[in-house]
Amino acid sequence: MAIALADIKKLRDMTSAGMMDCKKALEEAAGDFKRAVEILREKGKSTLAKRGENETTQGAVLSRINGGKAVLVCLGCETDFVAATPDFKKLAGEIADAAITAFPADVEALKAVKLASGYSLEEDITNQAGKTGEKHVLAYYGALEAPFVSEYVH
Protein backbone atom coordinates (compact mmCIF):
# COMPACT_ATOMS: atom_id res chain seq x y z
CA MET A 1 0.00 0.00 0.00
CA ALA A 2 1.38 3.38 -1.01
CA ILE A 3 1.33 5.92 1.80
CA ALA A 4 0.94 9.60 0.91
CA LEU A 5 3.63 11.95 2.16
CA ALA A 6 0.89 14.16 3.65
CA ASP A 7 -0.28 11.23 5.79
CA ILE A 8 3.26 10.56 6.99
CA LYS A 9 3.66 14.23 7.88
CA LYS A 10 0.31 14.24 9.70
CA LEU A 11 1.33 11.22 11.81
CA ARG A 12 4.73 12.77 12.47
CA ASP A 13 3.06 15.99 13.64
CA MET A 14 0.79 13.96 15.94
CA THR A 15 3.56 11.82 17.46
CA SER A 16 6.91 13.54 16.75
CA ALA A 17 8.22 10.14 15.64
CA GLY A 18 10.73 9.88 12.79
CA MET A 19 9.58 9.99 9.17
CA MET A 20 10.57 6.38 8.42
CA ASP A 21 9.00 5.14 11.66
CA CYS A 22 5.77 6.92 10.71
CA LYS A 23 5.86 5.48 7.20
CA LYS A 24 6.44 1.93 8.47
CA ALA A 25 3.70 2.29 11.09
CA LEU A 26 1.19 3.56 8.51
CA GLU A 27 2.11 0.74 6.12
CA GLU A 28 1.69 -1.85 8.87
CA ALA A 29 -1.63 -0.27 9.91
CA ALA A 30 -2.86 -0.06 6.30
CA GLY A 31 -3.32 3.70 6.61
CA ASP A 32 -5.27 3.61 9.92
CA PHE A 33 -3.95 6.51 12.04
CA LYS A 34 -5.18 5.17 15.39
CA ARG A 35 -3.52 1.82 14.76
CA ALA A 36 -0.33 3.54 13.54
CA VAL A 37 -0.14 5.54 16.80
CA GLU A 38 -0.51 2.28 18.75
CA ILE A 39 2.26 0.68 16.68
CA LEU A 40 4.56 3.61 17.48
CA ARG A 41 3.68 3.32 21.20
CA GLU A 42 4.51 -0.39 21.14
CA LYS A 43 7.82 0.47 19.51
CA GLY A 44 8.48 2.82 22.42
CA LYS A 45 7.76 0.03 24.90
CA SER A 46 10.14 -2.33 23.12
CA THR A 47 12.81 0.40 23.14
CA LEU A 48 12.43 0.70 26.91
CA ALA A 49 12.62 -3.07 27.32
CA LYS A 50 15.84 -3.30 25.27
CA ARG A 51 17.48 -0.43 27.13
CA GLY A 52 16.20 -1.38 30.58
CA GLU A 53 19.65 -1.88 32.08
CA ASN A 54 21.09 1.39 30.77
CA GLU A 55 21.81 4.13 33.28
CA THR A 56 19.89 7.39 33.10
CA THR A 57 22.52 9.85 34.28
CA GLN A 58 21.18 12.89 32.42
CA GLY A 59 17.84 14.65 32.48
CA ALA A 60 15.98 17.52 34.08
CA VAL A 61 15.02 18.43 37.63
CA LEU A 62 12.08 20.82 37.98
CA SER A 63 10.19 22.32 40.87
CA ARG A 64 6.77 23.90 41.08
CA ILE A 65 5.18 25.86 43.92
CA ASN A 66 1.52 26.69 44.43
CA GLY A 67 0.66 28.37 47.71
CA GLY A 68 1.93 26.18 50.52
CA LYS A 69 2.56 23.18 48.26
CA ALA A 70 5.74 22.33 46.41
CA VAL A 71 6.86 19.44 44.20
CA LEU A 72 10.21 18.35 42.85
CA VAL A 73 10.44 15.98 39.88
CA CYS A 74 13.39 14.46 38.08
CA LEU A 75 12.96 13.01 34.59
CA GLY A 76 16.02 11.00 33.60
CA CYS A 77 17.42 9.97 30.24
CA GLU A 78 20.66 8.46 28.96
CA THR A 79 22.37 11.37 27.20
CA ASP A 80 22.66 15.12 27.47
CA PHE A 81 21.68 15.40 23.80
CA VAL A 82 18.19 14.07 24.54
CA ALA A 83 17.93 16.07 27.78
CA ALA A 84 18.50 19.26 25.77
CA THR A 85 15.73 18.62 23.22
CA PRO A 86 12.58 20.77 23.31
CA ASP A 87 10.34 17.67 23.48
CA PHE A 88 12.15 16.33 26.55
CA LYS A 89 12.03 19.70 28.29
CA LYS A 90 8.34 20.05 27.44
CA LEU A 91 7.56 16.61 28.88
CA ALA A 92 9.49 17.38 32.07
CA GLY A 93 7.54 20.63 32.43
CA GLU A 94 4.22 18.86 31.86
CA ILE A 95 5.14 16.32 34.54
CA ALA A 96 5.97 19.07 37.03
CA ASP A 97 2.75 20.94 36.19
CA ALA A 98 0.68 17.77 36.57
CA ALA A 99 2.40 17.00 39.88
CA ILE A 100 1.61 20.37 41.45
CA THR A 101 -1.97 20.27 40.15
CA ALA A 102 -2.78 16.69 41.23
CA PHE A 103 -0.37 16.70 44.22
CA PRO A 104 -0.23 12.88 44.39
CA ALA A 105 1.11 11.08 47.46
CA ASP A 106 3.84 9.10 45.71
CA VAL A 107 5.57 8.42 42.40
CA GLU A 108 3.21 5.57 41.45
CA ALA A 109 0.19 7.83 41.85
CA LEU A 110 1.97 10.50 39.79
CA LYS A 111 2.62 8.00 36.97
CA ALA A 112 -1.14 7.41 36.72
CA VAL A 113 -2.01 11.13 36.37
CA LYS A 114 -3.37 12.09 32.94
CA LEU A 115 -1.44 14.78 31.08
CA ALA A 116 -2.71 17.29 28.51
CA SER A 117 -2.07 14.69 25.77
CA GLY A 118 -4.76 12.45 27.27
CA TYR A 119 -2.22 9.75 28.12
CA SER A 120 -1.05 8.89 31.61
CA LEU A 121 2.32 10.25 32.62
CA GLU A 122 3.82 6.77 32.32
CA GLU A 123 2.42 6.37 28.78
CA ASP A 124 3.83 9.76 27.74
CA ILE A 125 7.26 8.80 29.08
CA THR A 126 7.07 5.58 27.04
CA ASN A 127 6.03 7.54 23.93
CA GLN A 128 8.97 9.91 24.41
CA ALA A 129 11.36 6.97 24.76
CA GLY A 130 10.08 5.57 21.48
CA LYS A 131 10.78 8.88 19.74
CA THR A 132 14.31 9.28 21.06
CA GLY A 133 15.38 5.64 21.22
CA GLU A 134 16.60 6.14 24.80
CA LYS A 135 15.43 4.96 28.18
CA HIS A 136 13.45 7.59 30.12
CA VAL A 137 12.50 7.27 33.78
CA LEU A 138 10.73 9.34 36.37
CA ALA A 139 13.73 9.16 38.68
CA TYR A 140 12.40 11.17 41.61
CA TYR A 141 9.23 12.78 42.91
CA GLY A 142 8.94 14.67 46.15
CA ALA A 143 6.06 16.70 47.55
CA LEU A 144 5.97 19.12 50.46
CA GLU A 145 3.14 20.99 52.12
CA ALA A 146 4.01 23.73 54.62
CA PRO A 147 2.82 27.20 55.68
CA PHE A 148 5.66 28.82 53.73
CA VAL A 149 7.46 27.32 50.73
CA SER A 150 10.22 28.87 48.62
CA GLU A 151 12.60 27.63 45.95
CA TYR A 152 16.10 28.40 44.82
CA VAL A 153 17.53 27.31 41.48
CA HIS A 154 21.29 27.34 41.11
C-alpha atoms as a PDB file:
ATOM      1  CA  MET A   1       0.000   0.000   0.000  1.00  0.00           C
ATOM      2  CA  ALA A   2       1.383   3.380  -1.006  1.00  0.00           C
ATOM      3  CA  ILE A   3       1.325   5.916   1.800  1.00  0.00           C
ATOM      4  CA  ALA A   4       0.939   9.595   0.911  1.00  0.00           C
ATOM      5  CA  LEU A   5       3.628  11.953   2.159  1.00  0.00           C
ATOM      6  CA  ALA A   6       0.894  14.164   3.650  1.00  0.00           C
ATOM      7  CA  ASP A   7      -0.280  11.226   5.794  1.00  0.00           C
ATOM      8  CA  ILE A   8       3.264  10.555   6.992  1.00  0.00           C
ATOM      9  CA  LYS A   9       3.657  14.227   7.878  1.00  0.00           C
ATOM     10  CA  LYS A  10       0.310  14.241   9.699  1.00  0.00           C
ATOM     11  CA  LEU A  11       1.334  11.218  11.814  1.00  0.00           C
ATOM     12  CA  ARG A  12       4.730  12.768  12.471  1.00  0.00           C
ATOM     13  CA  ASP A  13       3.059  15.995  13.641  1.00  0.00           C
ATOM     14  CA  MET A  14       0.793  13.959  15.937  1.00  0.00           C
ATOM     15  CA  THR A  15       3.557  11.824  17.456  1.00  0.00           C
ATOM     16  CA  SER A  16       6.913  13.536  16.754  1.00  0.00           C
ATOM     17  CA  ALA A  17       8.223  10.144  15.640  1.00  0.00           C
ATOM     18  CA  GLY A  18      10.733   9.875  12.793  1.00  0.00           C
ATOM     19  CA  MET A  19       9.576   9.986   9.167  1.00  0.00           C
ATOM     20  CA  MET A  20      10.574   6.381   8.418  1.00  0.00           C
ATOM     21  CA  ASP A  21       8.996   5.140  11.655  1.00  0.00           C
ATOM     22  CA  CYS A  22       5.768   6.921  10.710  1.00  0.00           C
ATOM     23  CA  LYS A  23       5.858   5.479   7.197  1.00  0.00           C
ATOM     24  CA  LYS A  24       6.436   1.930   8.471  1.00  0.00           C
ATOM     25  CA  ALA A  25       3.697   2.290  11.094  1.00  0.00           C
ATOM     26  CA  LEU A  26       1.193   3.563   8.507  1.00  0.00           C
ATOM     27  CA  GLU A  27       2.108   0.736   6.119  1.00  0.00           C
ATOM     28  CA  GLU A  28       1.693  -1.849   8.872  1.00  0.00           C
ATOM     29  CA  ALA A  29      -1.631  -0.266   9.911  1.00  0.00           C
ATOM     30  CA  ALA A  30      -2.858  -0.060   6.295  1.00  0.00           C
ATOM     31  CA  GLY A  31      -3.324   3.700   6.614  1.00  0.00           C
ATOM     32  CA  ASP A  32      -5.268   3.606   9.920  1.00  0.00           C
ATOM     33  CA  PHE A  33      -3.951   6.514  12.039  1.00  0.00           C
ATOM     34  CA  LYS A  34      -5.175   5.168  15.389  1.00  0.00           C
ATOM     35  CA  ARG A  35      -3.524   1.818  14.755  1.00  0.00           C
ATOM     36  CA  ALA A  36      -0.332   3.543  13.543  1.00  0.00           C
ATOM     37  CA  VAL A  37      -0.137   5.540  16.796  1.00  0.00           C
ATOM     38  CA  GLU A  38      -0.509   2.280  18.753  1.00  0.00           C
ATOM     39  CA  ILE A  39       2.256   0.683  16.683  1.00  0.00           C
ATOM     40  CA  LEU A  40       4.557   3.605  17.476  1.00  0.00           C
ATOM     41  CA  ARG A  41       3.679   3.324  21.197  1.00  0.00           C
ATOM     42  CA  GLU A  42       4.508  -0.394  21.143  1.00  0.00           C
ATOM     43  CA  LYS A  43       7.820   0.471  19.506  1.00  0.00           C
ATOM     44  CA  GLY A  44       8.481   2.821  22.422  1.00  0.00           C
ATOM     45  CA  LYS A  45       7.760   0.027  24.896  1.00  0.00           C
ATOM     46  CA  SER A  46      10.145  -2.326  23.121  1.00  0.00           C
ATOM     47  CA  THR A  47      12.810   0.399  23.144  1.00  0.00           C
ATOM     48  CA  LEU A  48      12.428   0.697  26.911  1.00  0.00           C
ATOM     49  CA  ALA A  49      12.624  -3.073  27.325  1.00  0.00           C
ATOM     50  CA  LYS A  50      15.839  -3.297  25.274  1.00  0.00           C
ATOM     51  CA  ARG A  51      17.478  -0.432  27.133  1.00  0.00           C
ATOM     52  CA  GLY A  52      16.198  -1.384  30.575  1.00  0.00           C
ATOM     53  CA  GLU A  53      19.654  -1.883  32.080  1.00  0.00           C
ATOM     54  CA  ASN A  54      21.087   1.391  30.771  1.00  0.00           C
ATOM     55  CA  GLU A  55      21.815   4.135  33.277  1.00  0.00           C
ATOM     56  CA  THR A  56      19.893   7.388  33.095  1.00  0.00           C
ATOM     57  CA  THR A  57      22.523   9.853  34.279  1.00  0.00           C
ATOM     58  CA  GLN A  58      21.184  12.890  32.420  1.00  0.00           C
ATOM     59  CA  GLY A  59      17.838  14.651  32.481  1.00  0.00           C
ATOM     60  CA  ALA A  60      15.983  17.519  34.076  1.00  0.00           C
ATOM     61  CA  VAL A  61      15.017  18.434  37.634  1.00  0.00           C
ATOM     62  CA  LEU A  62      12.084  20.822  37.975  1.00  0.00           C
ATOM     63  CA  SER A  63      10.186  22.322  40.866  1.00  0.00           C
ATOM     64  CA  ARG A  64       6.770  23.898  41.079  1.00  0.00           C
ATOM     65  CA  ILE A  65       5.178  25.863  43.919  1.00  0.00           C
ATOM     66  CA  ASN A  66       1.517  26.685  44.430  1.00  0.00           C
ATOM     67  CA  GLY A  67       0.658  28.368  47.713  1.00  0.00           C
ATOM     68  CA  GLY A  68       1.927  26.179  50.523  1.00  0.00           C
ATOM     69  CA  LYS A  69       2.561  23.184  48.263  1.00  0.00           C
ATOM     70  CA  ALA A  70       5.743  22.329  46.409  1.00  0.00           C
ATOM     71  CA  VAL A  71       6.864  19.445  44.201  1.00  0.00           C
ATOM     72  CA  LEU A  72      10.208  18.350  42.845  1.00  0.00           C
ATOM     73  CA  VAL A  73      10.435  15.976  39.883  1.00  0.00           C
ATOM     74  CA  CYS A  74      13.394  14.457  38.077  1.00  0.00           C
ATOM     75  CA  LEU A  75      12.957  13.014  34.591  1.00  0.00           C
ATOM     76  CA  GLY A  76      16.016  11.005  33.601  1.00  0.00           C
ATOM     77  CA  CYS A  77      17.417   9.969  30.235  1.00  0.00           C
ATOM     78  CA  GLU A  78      20.662   8.460  28.965  1.00  0.00           C
ATOM     79  CA  THR A  79      22.371  11.368  27.197  1.00  0.00           C
ATOM     80  CA  ASP A  80      22.658  15.125  27.474  1.00  0.00           C
ATOM     81  CA  PHE A  81      21.677  15.397  23.802  1.00  0.00           C
ATOM     82  CA  VAL A  82      18.187  14.065  24.538  1.00  0.00           C
ATOM     83  CA  ALA A  83      17.929  16.067  27.785  1.00  0.00           C
ATOM     84  CA  ALA A  84      18.499  19.262  25.770  1.00  0.00           C
ATOM     85  CA  THR A  85      15.729  18.624  23.218  1.00  0.00           C
ATOM     86  CA  PRO A  86      12.581  20.768  23.308  1.00  0.00           C
ATOM     87  CA  ASP A  87      10.338  17.672  23.476  1.00  0.00           C
ATOM     88  CA  PHE A  88      12.154  16.332  26.547  1.00  0.00           C
ATOM     89  CA  LYS A  89      12.032  19.702  28.291  1.00  0.00           C
ATOM     90  CA  LYS A  90       8.337  20.053  27.437  1.00  0.00           C
ATOM     91  CA  LEU A  91       7.563  16.608  28.875  1.00  0.00           C
ATOM     92  CA  ALA A  92       9.490  17.385  32.067  1.00  0.00           C
ATOM     93  CA  GLY A  93       7.539  20.634  32.434  1.00  0.00           C
ATOM     94  CA  GLU A  94       4.221  18.863  31.858  1.00  0.00           C
ATOM     95  CA  ILE A  95       5.142  16.324  34.535  1.00  0.00           C
ATOM     96  CA  ALA A  96       5.972  19.074  37.033  1.00  0.00           C
ATOM     97  CA  ASP A  97       2.751  20.944  36.189  1.00  0.00           C
ATOM     98  CA  ALA A  98       0.682  17.766  36.571  1.00  0.00           C
ATOM     99  CA  ALA A  99       2.403  17.001  39.876  1.00  0.00           C
ATOM    100  CA  ILE A 100       1.612  20.370  41.446  1.00  0.00           C
ATOM    101  CA  THR A 101      -1.973  20.272  40.146  1.00  0.00           C
ATOM    102  CA  ALA A 102      -2.779  16.694  41.227  1.00  0.00           C
ATOM    103  CA  PHE A 103      -0.374  16.696  44.217  1.00  0.00           C
ATOM    104  CA  PRO A 104      -0.234  12.877  44.394  1.00  0.00           C
ATOM    105  CA  ALA A 105       1.109  11.084  47.459  1.00  0.00           C
ATOM    106  CA  ASP A 106       3.844   9.100  45.707  1.00  0.00           C
ATOM    107  CA  VAL A 107       5.574   8.425  42.404  1.00  0.00           C
ATOM    108  CA  GLU A 108       3.214   5.566  41.455  1.00  0.00           C
ATOM    109  CA  ALA A 109       0.186   7.833  41.855  1.00  0.00           C
ATOM    110  CA  LEU A 110       1.969  10.496  39.792  1.00  0.00           C
ATOM    111  CA  LYS A 111       2.622   7.997  36.974  1.00  0.00           C
ATOM    112  CA  ALA A 112      -1.145   7.410  36.716  1.00  0.00           C
ATOM    113  CA  VAL A 113      -2.005  11.131  36.370  1.00  0.00           C
ATOM    114  CA  LYS A 114      -3.373  12.087  32.942  1.00  0.00           C
ATOM    115  CA  LEU A 115      -1.445  14.778  31.080  1.00  0.00           C
ATOM    116  CA  ALA A 116      -2.711  17.286  28.515  1.00  0.00           C
ATOM    117  CA  SER A 117      -2.070  14.693  25.775  1.00  0.00           C
ATOM    118  CA  GLY A 118      -4.759  12.446  27.269  1.00  0.00           C
ATOM    119  CA  TYR A 119      -2.224   9.751  28.121  1.00  0.00           C
ATOM    120  CA  SER A 120      -1.049   8.890  31.608  1.00  0.00           C
ATOM    121  CA  LEU A 121       2.324  10.251  32.616  1.00  0.00           C
ATOM    122  CA  GLU A 122       3.824   6.765  32.318  1.00  0.00           C
ATOM    123  CA  GLU A 123       2.421   6.374  28.778  1.00  0.00           C
ATOM    124  CA  ASP A 124       3.830   9.762  27.743  1.00  0.00           C
ATOM    125  CA  ILE A 125       7.261   8.801  29.078  1.00  0.00           C
ATOM    126  CA  THR A 126       7.068   5.578  27.040  1.00  0.00           C
ATOM    127  CA  ASN A 127       6.032   7.535  23.935  1.00  0.00           C
ATOM    128  CA  GLN A 128       8.970   9.914  24.406  1.00  0.00           C
ATOM    129  CA  ALA A 129      11.358   6.968  24.764  1.00  0.00           C
ATOM    130  CA  GLY A 130      10.078   5.568  21.482  1.00  0.00           C
ATOM    131  CA  LYS A 131      10.775   8.877  19.742  1.00  0.00           C
ATOM    132  CA  THR A 132      14.308   9.277  21.061  1.00  0.00           C
ATOM    133  CA  GLY A 133      15.377   5.643  21.219  1.00  0.00           C
ATOM    134  CA  GLU A 134      16.596   6.141  24.798  1.00  0.00           C
ATOM    135  CA  LYS A 135      15.430   4.961  28.178  1.00  0.00           C
ATOM    136  CA  HIS A 136      13.448   7.590  30.122  1.00  0.00           C
ATOM    137  CA  VAL A 137      12.502   7.275  33.783  1.00  0.00           C
ATOM    138  CA  LEU A 138      10.732   9.345  36.371  1.00  0.00           C
ATOM    139  CA  ALA A 139      13.727   9.158  38.679  1.00  0.00           C
ATOM    140  CA  TYR A 140      12.400  11.172  41.611  1.00  0.00           C
ATOM    141  CA  TYR A 141       9.234  12.776  42.906  1.00  0.00           C
ATOM    142  CA  GLY A 142       8.937  14.674  46.151  1.00  0.00           C
ATOM    143  CA  ALA A 143       6.063  16.705  47.555  1.00  0.00           C
ATOM    144  CA  LEU A 144       5.968  19.117  50.465  1.00  0.00           C
ATOM    145  CA  GLU A 145       3.143  20.990  52.118  1.00  0.00           C
ATOM    146  CA  ALA A 146       4.015  23.731  54.622  1.00  0.00           C
ATOM    147  CA  PRO A 147       2.818  27.197  55.678  1.00  0.00           C
ATOM    148  CA  PHE A 148       5.657  28.817  53.725  1.00  0.00           C
ATOM    149  CA  VAL A 149       7.461  27.321  50.732  1.00  0.00           C
ATOM    150  CA  SER A 150      10.217  28.868  48.619  1.00  0.00           C
ATOM    151  CA  GLU A 151      12.597  27.634  45.953  1.00  0.00           C
ATOM    152  CA  TYR A 152      16.102  28.400  44.817  1.00  0.00           C
ATOM    153  CA  VAL A 153      17.527  27.310  41.477  1.00  0.00           C
ATOM    154  CA  HIS A 154      21.292  27.343  41.106  1.00  0.00           C
END
